[in-house]
């Protein structure tokens, strides 16, 4: 394992959309692929754990695994005795940018999934939590209105491609999918998604 400051900060990466498509296509045929669902759920759980750490200004030491808070100024040293790893605020923020791990205005959605997913036991419980998460929005703190999809924070790819992918994804519930599209009409992503008649998802 790298010692001292040779180790770089790492965050959980976004999910590959192809994995999600496989799960939803499988579900649409009536096949409950629990192994694939678990793989996706765990990856999203780790990604949401990244956002949970970031919103608390925490980092997991890449040398020893100890979690600690990064100071707003100066150098922050790992508190683990004998570790010796440290970071600066500037390096910490750069690592967040490198992994597109800024929380934006969707902290509640990330924290809800991170809290709820470990208690999910069945395939149905897990895929519904996944579906709820990927169809969540950044929310304006003052008005409570949805302002844009959080999909590009969870899935690999640029925002336009990711939102279009999500729109084309098989629906677990056509009614909820149409509700998502209606909300999308009111966001800054509205031009990416074209509303469709109910039942045509």
Protein backbone atom coordinates (compact mmCIF):
# COMPACT_ATOMS: atom_id res chain seq x y z
CA UNK A 1 0.00 0.00 0.00
CA UNK A 2 1.34 3.48 -0.83
CA UNK A 3 2.83 5.27 2.17
CA UNK A 4 2.76 8.87 3.21
CA UNK A 5 1.45 11.24 0.60
CA UNK A 6 2.07 8.98 -2.40
CA UNK A 7 -1.51 7.75 -2.01
CA UNK A 8 -4.14 9.87 -3.77
CA UNK A 9 -7.69 10.55 -2.64
CA UNK A 10 -10.19 8.28 -4.35
CA UNK A 11 -13.96 8.44 -4.50
CA UNK A 12 -16.51 5.90 -5.71
CA UNK A 13 -16.95 6.37 -9.48
CA UNK A 14 -20.25 6.74 -11.35
CA UNK A 15 -22.03 3.63 -12.58
CA UNK A 16 -21.75 2.36 -16.17
CA UNK A 17 -25.18 2.87 -17.82
CA UNK A 18 -24.87 -0.48 -19.62
CA UNK A 19 -25.21 -2.29 -16.28
CA UNK A 20 -28.40 -0.43 -15.48
CA UNK A 21 -29.83 -1.17 -18.91
CA UNK A 22 -29.16 -4.89 -18.46
CA UNK A 23 -31.03 -4.85 -15.15
CA UNK A 24 -34.06 -2.98 -16.47
CA UNK A 25 -34.23 -5.03 -19.67
CA UNK A 26 -34.09 -8.20 -17.58
CA UNK A 27 -36.78 -6.91 -15.22
CA UNK A 28 -39.01 -6.03 -18.20
CA UNK A 29 -38.99 -9.70 -19.24
CA UNK A 30 -39.98 -10.82 -15.74
CA UNK A 31 -36.52 -12.07 -14.77
CA UNK A 32 -35.32 -10.96 -11.31
CA UNK A 33 -31.53 -10.86 -11.63
CA UNK A 34 -30.66 -10.46 -7.96
CA UNK A 35 -26.89 -10.72 -8.52
CA UNK A 36 -26.92 -7.87 -11.04
CA UNK A 37 -29.29 -5.85 -8.87
CA UNK A 38 -26.91 -6.29 -5.92
CA UNK A 39 -23.91 -5.24 -8.00
CA UNK A 40 -25.66 -2.06 -9.14
CA UNK A 41 -27.11 -1.34 -5.72
CA UNK A 42 -23.72 -1.66 -4.01
CA UNK A 43 -22.05 0.56 -6.60
CA UNK A 44 -24.72 3.22 -6.12
CA UNK A 45 -24.48 2.79 -2.35
CA UNK A 46 -20.74 3.51 -2.52
CA UNK A 47 -21.33 6.45 -4.85
CA UNK A 48 -23.90 7.90 -2.44
CA UNK A 49 -21.42 7.26 0.37
CA UNK A 50 -19.02 9.52 -1.50
CA UNK A 51 -21.60 12.30 -1.51
CA UNK A 52 -22.33 11.69 2.18
CA UNK A 53 -18.63 12.16 2.99
CA UNK A 54 -18.30 15.22 0.78
CA UNK A 55 -21.26 16.97 2.39
CA UNK A 56 -19.55 16.47 5.77
CA UNK A 57 -16.15 17.65 4.45
CA UNK A 58 -14.74 14.21 5.20
CA UNK A 59 -12.20 12.06 3.41
CA UNK A 60 -11.17 8.44 3.76
CA UNK A 61 -7.41 8.28 4.12
CA UNK A 62 -6.15 6.43 1.01
CA UNK A 63 -3.17 5.10 2.97
CA UNK A 64 -4.92 3.50 5.97
CA UNK A 65 -8.68 3.92 5.48
CA UNK A 66 -9.33 6.21 8.46
CA UNK A 67 -12.12 8.76 7.85
CA UNK A 68 -11.61 12.29 9.09
CA UNK A 69 -12.74 15.86 8.47
CA UNK A 70 -10.71 18.11 6.18
CA UNK A 71 -10.00 21.56 7.58
CA UNK A 72 -11.14 24.62 5.60
CA UNK A 73 -7.56 25.89 5.69
CA UNK A 74 -4.05 24.60 6.14
CA UNK A 75 -3.00 20.97 6.15
CA UNK A 76 -5.20 18.15 7.45
CA UNK A 77 -3.32 15.12 8.74
CA UNK A 78 -4.74 11.63 9.13
CA UNK A 79 -5.35 11.10 12.86
CA UNK A 80 -4.30 7.43 12.73
CA UNK A 81 -1.09 7.00 14.71
CA UNK A 82 1.91 6.34 12.47
CA UNK A 83 0.04 6.91 9.20
CA UNK A 84 1.61 10.18 8.12
CA UNK A 85 -0.78 10.88 5.23
CA UNK A 86 -2.11 14.42 4.88
CA UNK A 87 -3.97 16.61 2.44
CA UNK A 88 -4.75 20.26 1.83
CA UNK A 89 -8.13 21.84 1.19
CA UNK A 90 -7.10 22.59 -2.38
CA UNK A 91 -6.11 18.98 -3.09
CA UNK A 92 -9.29 17.73 -1.42
CA UNK A 93 -11.51 19.96 -3.57
CA UNK A 94 -9.58 19.00 -6.70
CA UNK A 95 -10.16 15.31 -5.97
CA UNK A 96 -13.90 16.00 -5.72
CA UNK A 97 -13.88 17.75 -9.08
CA UNK A 98 -11.89 14.89 -10.63
CA UNK A 99 -14.63 12.43 -9.62
CA UNK A 100 -17.57 14.78 -10.33
CA UNK A 101 -18.46 14.31 -6.68
CA UNK A 102 -19.86 17.75 -5.89
CA UNK A 103 -23.17 17.11 -4.12
CA UNK A 104 -25.17 19.89 -5.74
CA UNK A 105 -28.69 20.17 -4.34
CA UNK A 106 -29.49 16.48 -4.09
CA UNK A 107 -28.00 15.57 -0.72
CA UNK A 108 -31.32 14.32 0.64
CA UNK A 109 -31.70 11.80 -2.20
CA UNK A 110 -28.15 10.49 -1.74
CA UNK A 111 -28.47 10.20 2.03
CA UNK A 112 -31.86 8.49 1.81
CA UNK A 113 -30.50 5.79 -0.49
CA UNK A 114 -27.30 5.39 1.56
CA UNK A 115 -29.39 4.94 4.71
CA UNK A 116 -32.12 2.71 3.25
CA UNK A 117 -30.26 0.37 0.91
CA UNK A 118 -28.48 -1.78 3.55
CA UNK A 119 -31.89 -2.69 5.02
CA UNK A 120 -33.32 -3.80 1.65
CA UNK A 121 -33.55 -7.58 1.57
CA UNK A 122 -35.57 -8.55 -1.50
CA UNK A 123 -35.00 -7.94 -5.19
CA UNK A 124 -38.15 -5.79 -5.31
CA UNK A 125 -37.06 -3.60 -2.40
CA UNK A 126 -33.62 -3.09 -3.92
CA UNK A 127 -34.69 -2.27 -7.47
CA UNK A 128 -37.36 0.16 -6.26
CA UNK A 129 -34.75 2.04 -4.22
CA UNK A 130 -32.45 2.10 -7.26
CA UNK A 131 -35.27 3.35 -9.46
CA UNK A 132 -36.21 6.07 -6.98
CA UNK A 133 -32.61 7.24 -6.73
CA UNK A 134 -31.80 7.47 -10.43
CA UNK A 135 -35.03 9.35 -11.10
CA UNK A 136 -34.38 11.89 -8.33
CA UNK A 137 -33.68 15.59 -8.84
CA UNK A 138 -31.57 18.41 -7.54
CA UNK A 139 -34.04 20.48 -5.50
CA UNK A 140 -34.09 24.24 -4.96
CA UNK A 141 -33.73 24.79 -1.22
CA UNK A 142 -35.94 27.91 -1.21
CA UNK A 143 -38.83 26.76 -3.39
CA UNK A 144 -38.63 22.99 -3.06
CA UNK A 145 -38.89 22.70 -6.85
CA UNK A 146 -36.99 20.13 -8.88
CA UNK A 147 -34.37 21.94 -10.96
CA UNK A 148 -32.48 19.18 -12.80
CA UNK A 149 -31.93 15.42 -12.90
CA UNK A 150 -29.21 13.91 -10.69
CA UNK A 151 -28.53 11.16 -13.25
CA UNK A 152 -25.25 12.65 -14.45
CA UNK A 153 -23.93 12.45 -10.87
CA UNK A 154 -24.71 8.74 -10.68
CA UNK A 155 -23.99 7.46 -14.20
CA UNK A 156 -20.99 7.76 -16.50
CA UNK A 157 -21.29 10.18 -19.43
CA UNK A 158 -22.18 13.80 -20.10
CA UNK A 159 -25.48 15.11 -18.77
CA UNK A 160 -27.34 15.22 -22.08
CA UNK A 161 -26.44 11.63 -22.99
CA UNK A 162 -27.18 10.33 -19.48
CA UNK A 163 -30.58 12.01 -19.20
CA UNK A 164 -31.55 10.78 -22.67
CA UNK A 165 -30.45 7.28 -21.64
CA UNK A 166 -32.62 7.49 -18.53
CA UNK A 167 -35.59 8.63 -20.59
CA UNK A 168 -35.20 5.65 -22.92
CA UNK A 169 -34.74 3.16 -20.07
CA UNK A 170 -37.46 0.54 -19.57
CA UNK A 171 -39.97 1.67 -16.96
CA UNK A 172 -40.66 -0.27 -13.76
CA UNK A 173 -43.86 1.74 -13.50
CA UNK A 174 -45.18 3.54 -16.62
CA UNK A 175 -47.22 5.88 -14.43
CA UNK A 176 -44.21 6.92 -12.35
CA UNK A 177 -42.11 7.29 -15.50
CA UNK A 178 -44.66 9.72 -16.92
CA UNK A 179 -44.64 11.59 -13.62
CA UNK A 180 -40.86 11.87 -13.93
CA UNK A 181 -41.21 13.23 -17.46
CA UNK A 182 -43.77 15.80 -16.34
CA UNK A 183 -41.35 17.00 -13.67
CA UNK A 184 -38.57 17.09 -16.26
CA UNK A 185 -40.65 19.53 -18.31
CA UNK A 186 -40.24 22.04 -15.48
CA UNK A 187 -36.45 21.68 -15.13
CA UNK A 188 -33.44 23.01 -17.01
CA UNK A 189 -33.16 19.56 -18.64
CA UNK A 190 -36.57 19.90 -20.31
CA UNK A 191 -35.19 20.12 -23.85
CA UNK A 192 -33.45 16.77 -23.50
CA UNK A 193 -36.63 14.80 -22.81
CA UNK A 194 -39.74 14.92 -24.96
CA UNK A 195 -43.00 14.25 -23.04
CA UNK A 196 -44.87 11.16 -24.16
CA UNK A 197 -48.49 10.12 -23.74
CA UNK A 198 -49.27 8.12 -20.59
CA UNK A 199 -48.77 4.42 -21.08
CA UNK A 200 -46.19 4.85 -23.85
CA UNK A 201 -43.09 4.67 -21.68
